[in-house]
C-alpha cells in the first residue's frame, strides 16, 4: 500500500497509532531492561554475601586439612536452589572439596556473569593470609521467569492502552477531519458543475477555520473572475478568428515567396554551373597556350651564344610560365576542393627547399617593392642546408606559401621586412609576418572567398585558397593582427 494513495483519515490513524505503538514498545523495552538489570544486581549481591559466609566457615577445614568438614560447609549451599555447584581450592590451586558440578578455579577474585550463570570467586583467609579459594556458581534462570511474567503483563497493558487510544483518537480524528471532508466534497461538486456559489460551513478559530475562510474567499474571487472571463470570451473568439485569417493570408504569401525563392535559387545554381563550366574551358585553353610559353624558353636555353643576362631573363619567363600554369591548376584544384572531390596526393616534402625556391621567384617583386624577405628555422637564419620535412602535396603547399608570402610583400611598405618562420614541435608550424595590419573591413571574413580591400587588382582568392589547402591537408590556419606586431598568419601542419 502506497502512502500517497491513502486518505488523510487513514494517514492520521497510522501516524497516531504508529507513534503510540513506538512509545509503548520503547517504554516496555526499557522496563524489561530495568527489571533484568535489577534482578542480576540483587542476585550478584546475594551470591557474594553467601560466598563470604561460606569462605569464613571453611577456614578451619583448610587449616586442619579436613575435606569432609569443608564438604559439610558447602552442603549448606544446597538450600539455595539457584546454586548449581561450588568448590574449594587450596592455595596451590588443587581441588580440596566440591558439591554439584565443580566450577573452575579463577585467578582473579570477584564476580563473573554471563547470560545464564553467575560465578563468585572469594578468597579464604587465615590470619590475614590466603589459604584457599571458594568458587560458587549460580544459575540465572530465574530472570527468564520474571521476563515472561513481565512480558505477559506488558502485552495486556499494551493492548488495553492501544485500544483505548485508538478509540479516543478516532473520535478526535473525525471531528478534526469533518471540515476537510466537506471541503473535498465542495471541490468535487464545483469541478463537475462549475457552480462557484457553493460554500463550506464551518466556524472555528484554529488553522482549519482559517483554511475554510480562505477557501470561501477564494471561491468568491474565482466566481468574479469566471464572470469576467465569460463576458470577454466572445471578444477573444473574434480576435482569434481575425488573427487566424491573417495568419492564413501571411502563410499563403510566405509560400508564394518561398516558391519564387526556390525558382531564383535554381536559376542561380544553373548560372553558377554555366560560369564554372566556362571557367574550366577557359583554363583548359590557357593551359594549352601556356605550353608554348613554357616550351619555347626550354628550347632557347638549349641554344648557344646566349649571354648570362639573356639566360637569366629567359629563366624568369619560364618561371613565370610555370607560375601561370600553377595558377590555372590551382583554380581547377580549388573547384575540386570546394566540392569535396579532390584526391590528395601526400608525399614527404622539404619546406626549406620549397621556400628557397620561392625566394628566388620573388626576387623581382621584392626589388620593385623595396621589401626584404627574412627566413629562419627555430630562431636561426635559413642557409639552404637545413631540412624541415612535412607530409603534403608539393604543388598545393607551394601555391599556399606563394600566396601568403605575396600577400605579405604587397601589404608591406618600402623598407619593410617580411619574416618567414619555421618551427619544430609537437606540431610543425609555418608563420609569415609583415608589419601591415589587416583592414577592419575584411577582418571578420579574412579567409572567405573574394575578401579583398584596397588592392587595385586583388581577386580575394589568395587567403581563401591558402585556407582551402590547409583544410584539405587537415592543417590549422589562423591570423592575428595588431599595431605592435603587424599581421601574422600561422599554418599548423598535421603531426
Foldseek 3Di string as FASTA:
>chain_A
DDPVPDDPLVVLLCVQLVVLVVVLVVVLVVVLVVLLVVLVVVVQVVVQVLQVVLLAQCLVCLVVLPQVSNQVSVVVCVVPVQWQKKFKAFPVLHTSYMPHPYDHADPDAAWDDDPWKIKGKDFRDDPRHGGIIMIIMGTPVVSVVVVVVSVVVSVVVSVVVSVVSSVVSSVVSCVVCVQVVQVVVVVVVCVVPVDLVDAGDDDDDDPSNVVRVVVNVVSVVVVVVVVVCVVCVVVVVVVVVVVVVVVVVVVVVVVVVVVVVVVVVVVVVVVVVVVVVVLLVVLVVVLVVLCVQQPVLVVVVPDPDDDPVRNVVSVLSNVVSVVVNLVSVLVVQVVCLVVVNDDWDKDKDWVLQLVVVVVVNCVVVCVVQQEAEFEDEQPHGDPSPDGDIDIGDVSLVSLLVNLVQVVQSVQAHHPWYWYWYWYDDPWTKIKIFTQAFDDPVCVVPLLPFQRDPDDPPDRRCNSVSNCSRLVVQVWDWDWDADNPGGIMIMITGDD
